Amino acid sequence: TVTYSDIDMNHHVNNTRYLDFACDALALHDN
């Protein structure tokens, strides 16, 4: 769920954050 730390000055999710969403969901640290 998108919150303050995801939003950039264009008022939408910063393009770099999608990579973090994916890496978190894939649990790269566990794998």
All heavy atoms as atom14 arrays in JSON, in Angstrom:
{
  "sequence": "TVTYSDIDMNHHVNNTRYLDFACDALALHDN",
  "atom14_mask": [
    [1, 1, 1, 1, 1, 1, 1, 0, 0, 0, 0, 0, 0, 0],
    [1, 1, 1, 1, 1, 1, 1, 0, 0, 0, 0, 0, 0, 0],
    [1, 1, 1, 1, 1, 1, 1, 0, 0, 0, 0, 0, 0, 0],
    [1, 1, 1, 1, 1, 1, 1, 1, 1, 1, 1, 1, 0, 0],
    [1, 1, 1, 1, 1, 1, 0, 0, 0, 0, 0, 0, 0, 0],
    [1, 1, 1, 1, 1, 1, 1, 1, 0, 0, 0, 0, 0, 0],
    [1, 1, 1, 1, 1, 1, 1, 1, 0, 0, 0, 0, 0, 0],
    [1, 1, 1, 1, 1, 1, 1, 1, 0, 0, 0, 0, 0, 0],
    [1, 1, 1, 1, 1, 1, 1, 1, 0, 0, 0, 0, 0, 0],
    [1, 1, 1, 1, 1, 1, 1, 1, 0, 0, 0, 0, 0, 0],
    [1, 1, 1, 1, 1, 1, 1, 1, 1, 1, 0, 0, 0, 0],
    [1, 1, 1, 1, 1, 1, 1, 1, 1, 1, 0, 0, 0, 0],
    [1, 1, 1, 1, 1, 1, 1, 0, 0, 0, 0, 0, 0, 0],
    [1, 1, 1, 1, 1, 1, 1, 1, 0, 0, 0, 0, 0, 0],
    [1, 1, 1, 1, 1, 1, 1, 1, 0, 0, 0, 0, 0, 0],
    [1, 1, 1, 1, 1, 1, 1, 0, 0, 0, 0, 0, 0, 0],
    [1, 1, 1, 1, 1, 1, 1, 1, 1, 1, 1, 0, 0, 0],
    [1, 1, 1, 1, 1, 1, 1, 1, 1, 1, 1, 1, 0, 0],
    [1, 1, 1, 1, 1, 1, 1, 1, 0, 0, 0, 0, 0, 0],
    [1, 1, 1, 1, 1, 1, 1, 1, 0, 0, 0, 0, 0, 0],
    [1, 1, 1, 1, 1, 1, 1, 1, 1, 1, 1, 0, 0, 0],
    [1, 1, 1, 1, 1, 0, 0, 0, 0, 0, 0, 0, 0, 0],
    [1, 1, 1, 1, 1, 1, 0, 0, 0, 0, 0, 0, 0, 0],
    [1, 1, 1, 1, 1, 1, 1, 1, 0, 0, 0, 0, 0, 0],
    [1, 1, 1, 1, 1, 0, 0, 0, 0, 0, 0, 0, 0, 0],
    [1, 1, 1, 1, 1, 1, 1, 1, 0, 0, 0, 0, 0, 0],
    [1, 1, 1, 1, 1, 0, 0, 0, 0, 0, 0, 0, 0, 0],
    [1, 1, 1, 1, 1, 1, 1, 1, 0, 0, 0, 0, 0, 0],
    [1, 1, 1, 1, 1, 1, 1, 1, 1, 1, 0, 0, 0, 0],
    [1, 1, 1, 1, 1, 1, 1, 1, 0, 0, 0, 0, 0, 0],
    [1, 1, 1, 1, 1, 1, 1, 1, 0, 0, 0, 0, 0, 0]
  ],
  "atom14_positions": [
    [[0.84, -1.18, 0.0], [0.0, 0.0, 0.0], [0.89, 1.24, 0.0], [1.78, 1.37, 0.84], [-0.93, 0.01, 1.21], [-1.79, -1.13, 1.15], [-1.8, 1.27, 1.21], [0.0, 0.0, 0.0], [0.0, 0.0, 0.0], [0.0, 0.0, 0.0], [0.0, 0.0, 0.0], [0.0, 0.0, 0.0], [0.0, 0.0, 0.0], [0.0, 0.0, 0.0]],
    [[0.65, 2.12, -0.95], [1.53, 3.27, -1.19], [1.35, 4.31, -0.09], [0.23, 4.72, 0.24], [1.23, 3.88, -2.57], [2.03, 5.15, -2.78], [1.53, 2.85, -3.66], [0.0, 0.0, 0.0], [0.0, 0.0, 0.0], [0.0, 0.0, 0.0], [0.0, 0.0, 0.0], [0.0, 0.0, 0.0], [0.0, 0.0, 0.0], [0.0, 0.0, 0.0]],
    [[2.49, 4.74, 0.48], [2.48, 5.74, 1.54], [3.48, 6.86, 1.21], [4.08, 6.89, 0.13], [2.85, 5.1, 2.88], [4.15, 4.49, 2.78], [1.84, 4.02, 3.27], [0.0, 0.0, 0.0], [0.0, 0.0, 0.0], [0.0, 0.0, 0.0], [0.0, 0.0, 0.0], [0.0, 0.0, 0.0], [0.0, 0.0, 0.0], [0.0, 0.0, 0.0]],
    [[3.68, 7.73, 2.18], [4.52, 8.93, 2.02], [5.88, 8.65, 1.39], [6.3, 9.34, 0.46], [4.7, 9.59, 3.39], [5.82, 10.59, 3.46], [5.63, 11.91, 3.05], [7.07, 10.22, 3.95], [6.67, 12.83, 3.12], [8.11, 11.13, 4.02], [7.91, 12.43, 3.6], [8.93, 13.33, 3.67], [0.0, 0.0, 0.0], [0.0, 0.0, 0.0]],
    [[6.59, 7.63, 1.89], [7.97, 7.4, 1.44], [8.06, 6.9, 0.01], [9.16, 6.87, -0.57], [8.67, 6.41, 2.37], [8.01, 5.16, 2.37], [0.0, 0.0, 0.0], [0.0, 0.0, 0.0], [0.0, 0.0, 0.0], [0.0, 0.0, 0.0], [0.0, 0.0, 0.0], [0.0, 0.0, 0.0], [0.0, 0.0, 0.0], [0.0, 0.0, 0.0]],
    [[6.93, 6.52, -0.59], [6.94, 6.02, -1.97], [6.73, 7.14, -3.0], [7.01, 6.94, -4.18], [5.81, 5.0, -2.17], [5.92, 3.81, -1.25], [7.03, 3.28, -1.1], [4.89, 3.42, -0.66], [0.0, 0.0, 0.0], [0.0, 0.0, 0.0], [0.0, 0.0, 0.0], [0.0, 0.0, 0.0], [0.0, 0.0, 0.0], [0.0, 0.0, 0.0]],
    [[6.21, 8.29, -2.56], [5.75, 9.32, -3.49], [6.84, 10.34, -3.76], [7.54, 10.78, -2.85], [4.51, 10.05, -2.89], [3.4, 9.03, -2.63], [4.0, 11.13, -3.84], [2.9, 8.3, -3.84], [0.0, 0.0, 0.0], [0.0, 0.0, 0.0], [0.0, 0.0, 0.0], [0.0, 0.0, 0.0], [0.0, 0.0, 0.0], [0.0, 0.0, 0.0]],
    [[6.97, 10.74, -5.03], [7.98, 11.74, -5.38], [7.31, 13.07, -5.72], [6.11, 13.26, -5.54], [8.88, 11.25, -6.51], [8.15, 11.01, -7.83], [7.03, 11.53, -8.0], [8.7, 10.33, -8.71], [0.0, 0.0, 0.0], [0.0, 0.0, 0.0], [0.0, 0.0, 0.0], [0.0, 0.0, 0.0], [0.0, 0.0, 0.0], [0.0, 0.0, 0.0]],
    [[8.1, 14.0, -6.25], [7.6, 15.35, -6.48], [6.58, 15.43, -7.61], [5.92, 16.46, -7.78], [8.77, 16.3, -6.76], [9.59, 15.96, -7.99], [11.12, 16.92, -8.09], [10.48, 18.58, -8.3], [0.0, 0.0, 0.0], [0.0, 0.0, 0.0], [0.0, 0.0, 0.0], [0.0, 0.0, 0.0], [0.0, 0.0, 0.0], [0.0, 0.0, 0.0]],
    [[6.44, 14.36, -8.37], [5.39, 14.32, -9.39], [4.08, 13.76, -8.85], [3.15, 13.51, -9.6], [5.86, 13.49, -10.59], [6.99, 14.16, -11.35], [7.0, 15.38, -11.48], [7.95, 13.38, -11.82], [0.0, 0.0, 0.0], [0.0, 0.0, 0.0], [0.0, 0.0, 0.0], [0.0, 0.0, 0.0], [0.0, 0.0, 0.0], [0.0, 0.0, 0.0]],
    [[4.05, 13.5, -7.53], [2.84, 13.09, -6.82], [2.39, 11.66, -7.15], [1.22, 11.32, -6.99], [1.68, 14.07, -7.08], [2.02, 15.49, -6.71], [2.06, 15.95, -5.41], [2.36, 16.54, -7.49], [2.4, 17.22, -5.39], [2.61, 17.61, -6.64], [0.0, 0.0, 0.0], [0.0, 0.0, 0.0], [0.0, 0.0, 0.0], [0.0, 0.0, 0.0]],
    [[3.32, 10.83, -7.63], [3.02, 9.42, -7.79], [4.23, 8.61, -7.32], [5.25, 9.18, -6.94], [2.63, 9.07, -9.23], [3.67, 9.44, -10.25], [3.41, 10.28, -11.31], [4.97, 9.09, -10.38], [4.5, 10.42, -12.04], [5.45, 9.7, -11.5], [0.0, 0.0, 0.0], [0.0, 0.0, 0.0], [0.0, 0.0, 0.0], [0.0, 0.0, 0.0]],
    [[4.1, 7.28, -7.33], [5.19, 6.44, -6.85], [6.45, 6.69, -7.68], [6.41, 6.67, -8.91], [4.79, 4.95, -6.92], [5.99, 4.05, -6.59], [3.65, 4.65, -5.95], [0.0, 0.0, 0.0], [0.0, 0.0, 0.0], [0.0, 0.0, 0.0], [0.0, 0.0, 0.0], [0.0, 0.0, 0.0], [0.0, 0.0, 0.0], [0.0, 0.0, 0.0]],
    [[7.56, 6.92, -6.98], [8.83, 7.09, -7.67], [9.2, 5.81, -8.4], [9.01, 4.7, -7.87], [9.93, 7.46, -6.67], [11.25, 7.72, -7.35], [12.06, 6.81, -7.5], [11.48, 8.95, -7.76], [0.0, 0.0, 0.0], [0.0, 0.0, 0.0], [0.0, 0.0, 0.0], [0.0, 0.0, 0.0], [0.0, 0.0, 0.0], [0.0, 0.0, 0.0]],
    [[9.73, 5.95, -9.61], [9.96, 4.77, -10.45], [10.92, 3.76, -9.84], [10.86, 2.58, -10.16], [10.43, 5.2, -11.85], [11.71, 5.97, -11.8], [12.77, 5.41, -11.61], [11.63, 7.29, -11.97], [0.0, 0.0, 0.0], [0.0, 0.0, 0.0], [0.0, 0.0, 0.0], [0.0, 0.0, 0.0], [0.0, 0.0, 0.0], [0.0, 0.0, 0.0]],
    [[11.83, 4.2, -8.95], [12.76, 3.25, -8.34], [12.08, 2.36, -7.31], [12.56, 1.26, -7.02], [13.92, 3.98, -7.66], [13.43, 4.76, -6.57], [14.64, 4.9, -8.64], [0.0, 0.0, 0.0], [0.0, 0.0, 0.0], [0.0, 0.0, 0.0], [0.0, 0.0, 0.0], [0.0, 0.0, 0.0], [0.0, 0.0, 0.0], [0.0, 0.0, 0.0]],
    [[10.97, 2.8, -6.75], [10.34, 2.07, -5.66], [9.73, 0.75, -6.12], [9.62, -0.2, -5.34], [9.27, 2.92, -4.99], [9.81, 4.13, -4.26], [10.58, 3.73, -3.0], [9.67, 3.18, -2.0], [9.91, 2.08, -1.3], [11.03, 1.38, -1.52], [9.05, 1.66, -0.4], [0.0, 0.0, 0.0], [0.0, 0.0, 0.0], [0.0, 0.0, 0.0]],
    [[9.35, 0.67, -7.4], [8.76, -0.57, -7.88], [9.75, -1.73, -7.77], [9.35, -2.87, -7.52], [8.3, -0.41, -9.34], [7.24, 0.64, -9.53], [7.49, 1.81, -10.23], [5.96, 0.47, -9.0], [6.52, 2.78, -10.41], [4.98, 1.43, -9.17], [5.27, 2.59, -9.88], [4.3, 3.54, -10.04], [0.0, 0.0, 0.0], [0.0, 0.0, 0.0]],
    [[11.03, -1.45, -7.97], [12.04, -2.49, -7.8], [12.09, -2.98, -6.36], [12.23, -4.18, -6.1], [13.41, -1.96, -8.22], [13.64, -1.85, -9.72], [14.83, -0.93, -10.0], [13.89, -3.22, -10.34], [0.0, 0.0, 0.0], [0.0, 0.0, 0.0], [0.0, 0.0, 0.0], [0.0, 0.0, 0.0], [0.0, 0.0, 0.0], [0.0, 0.0, 0.0]],
    [[11.98, -2.05, -5.41], [11.95, -2.45, -4.0], [10.72, -3.29, -3.7], [10.8, -4.29, -2.97], [11.98, -1.22, -3.1], [13.33, -0.52, -3.1], [14.36, -1.21, -3.27], [13.36, 0.71, -2.92], [0.0, 0.0, 0.0], [0.0, 0.0, 0.0], [0.0, 0.0, 0.0], [0.0, 0.0, 0.0], [0.0, 0.0, 0.0], [0.0, 0.0, 0.0]],
    [[9.55, -2.89, -4.25], [8.34, -3.68, -4.03], [8.59, -5.13, -4.48], [8.23, -6.09, -3.78], [7.15, -3.12, -4.83], [6.73, -1.72, -4.49], [5.84, -1.05, -5.31], [7.22, -1.07, -3.37], [5.42, 0.24, -5.01], [6.81, 0.23, -3.06], [5.91, 0.88, -3.89], [0.0, 0.0, 0.0], [0.0, 0.0, 0.0], [0.0, 0.0, 0.0]],
    [[9.18, -5.28, -5.67], [9.38, -6.61, -6.23], [10.4, -7.41, -5.43], [10.18, -8.59, -5.13], [9.82, -6.5, -7.69], [0.0, 0.0, 0.0], [0.0, 0.0, 0.0], [0.0, 0.0, 0.0], [0.0, 0.0, 0.0], [0.0, 0.0, 0.0], [0.0, 0.0, 0.0], [0.0, 0.0, 0.0], [0.0, 0.0, 0.0], [0.0, 0.0, 0.0]],
    [[11.52, -6.79, -5.09], [12.55, -7.51, -4.34], [12.06, -7.91, -2.95], [12.39, -9.01, -2.46], [13.81, -6.65, -4.23], [14.67, -6.4, -5.81], [0.0, 0.0, 0.0], [0.0, 0.0, 0.0], [0.0, 0.0, 0.0], [0.0, 0.0, 0.0], [0.0, 0.0, 0.0], [0.0, 0.0, 0.0], [0.0, 0.0, 0.0], [0.0, 0.0, 0.0]],
    [[11.27, -7.04, -2.32], [10.68, -7.41, -1.02], [9.75, -8.6, -1.17], [9.8, -9.55, -0.37], [9.89, -6.22, -0.46], [10.79, -5.09, 0.02], [12.01, -5.3, 0.16], [10.25, -3.99, 0.26], [0.0, 0.0, 0.0], [0.0, 0.0, 0.0], [0.0, 0.0, 0.0], [0.0, 0.0, 0.0], [0.0, 0.0, 0.0], [0.0, 0.0, 0.0]],
    [[8.9, -8.57, -2.18], [7.92, -9.64, -2.36], [8.59, -10.97, -2.69], [8.11, -12.04, -2.3], [6.92, -9.27, -3.45], [0.0, 0.0, 0.0], [0.0, 0.0, 0.0], [0.0, 0.0, 0.0], [0.0, 0.0, 0.0], [0.0, 0.0, 0.0], [0.0, 0.0, 0.0], [0.0, 0.0, 0.0], [0.0, 0.0, 0.0], [0.0, 0.0, 0.0]],
    [[9.72, -10.92, -3.4], [10.45, -12.14, -3.75], [11.3, -12.66, -2.59], [11.87, -13.75, -2.69], [11.36, -11.89, -4.96], [10.65, -11.74, -6.3], [11.63, -11.25, -7.37], [10.01, -13.05, -6.74], [0.0, 0.0, 0.0], [0.0, 0.0, 0.0], [0.0, 0.0, 0.0], [0.0, 0.0, 0.0], [0.0, 0.0, 0.0], [0.0, 0.0, 0.0]],
    [[11.39, -11.87, -1.51], [12.16, -12.27, -0.32], [13.58, -12.69, -0.69], [14.05, -13.77, -0.34], [11.44, -13.39, 0.43], [0.0, 0.0, 0.0], [0.0, 0.0, 0.0], [0.0, 0.0, 0.0], [0.0, 0.0, 0.0], [0.0, 0.0, 0.0], [0.0, 0.0, 0.0], [0.0, 0.0, 0.0], [0.0, 0.0, 0.0], [0.0, 0.0, 0.0]],
    [[14.28, -11.82, -1.42], [15.63, -12.16, -1.87], [16.56, -12.45, -0.7], [17.5, -13.24, -0.82], [16.19, -11.02, -2.72], [15.44, -10.7, -4.03], [16.23, -9.69, -4.85], [15.17, -11.95, -4.84], [0.0, 0.0, 0.0], [0.0, 0.0, 0.0], [0.0, 0.0, 0.0], [0.0, 0.0, 0.0], [0.0, 0.0, 0.0], [0.0, 0.0, 0.0]],
    [[16.31, -11.81, 0.45], [17.18, -12.05, 1.61], [17.02, -13.48, 2.13], [17.99, -14.09, 2.59], [16.87, -11.05, 2.72], [15.44, -11.03, 3.15], [14.44, -10.55, 2.33], [14.83, -11.45, 4.28], [13.28, -10.66, 2.95], [13.48, -11.2, 4.13], [0.0, 0.0, 0.0], [0.0, 0.0, 0.0], [0.0, 0.0, 0.0], [0.0, 0.0, 0.0]],
    [[15.81, -14.03, 2.05], [15.6, -15.42, 2.48], [16.15, -16.41, 1.47], [16.66, -17.47, 1.83], [14.11, -15.68, 2.69], [13.55, -14.94, 3.9], [14.33, -14.62, 4.81], [12.34, -14.67, 3.92], [0.0, 0.0, 0.0], [0.0, 0.0, 0.0], [0.0, 0.0, 0.0], [0.0, 0.0, 0.0], [0.0, 0.0, 0.0], [0.0, 0.0, 0.0]],
    [[16.02, -16.07, 0.19], [16.44, -16.99, -0.87], [17.91, -16.83, -1.25], [18.4, -17.55, -2.12], [15.58, -16.75, -2.11], [14.12, -17.07, -1.86], [13.8, -17.98, -1.09], [13.22, -16.3, -2.47], [0.0, 0.0, 0.0], [0.0, 0.0, 0.0], [0.0, 0.0, 0.0], [0.0, 0.0, 0.0], [0.0, 0.0, 0.0], [0.0, 0.0, 0.0]]
  ]
}
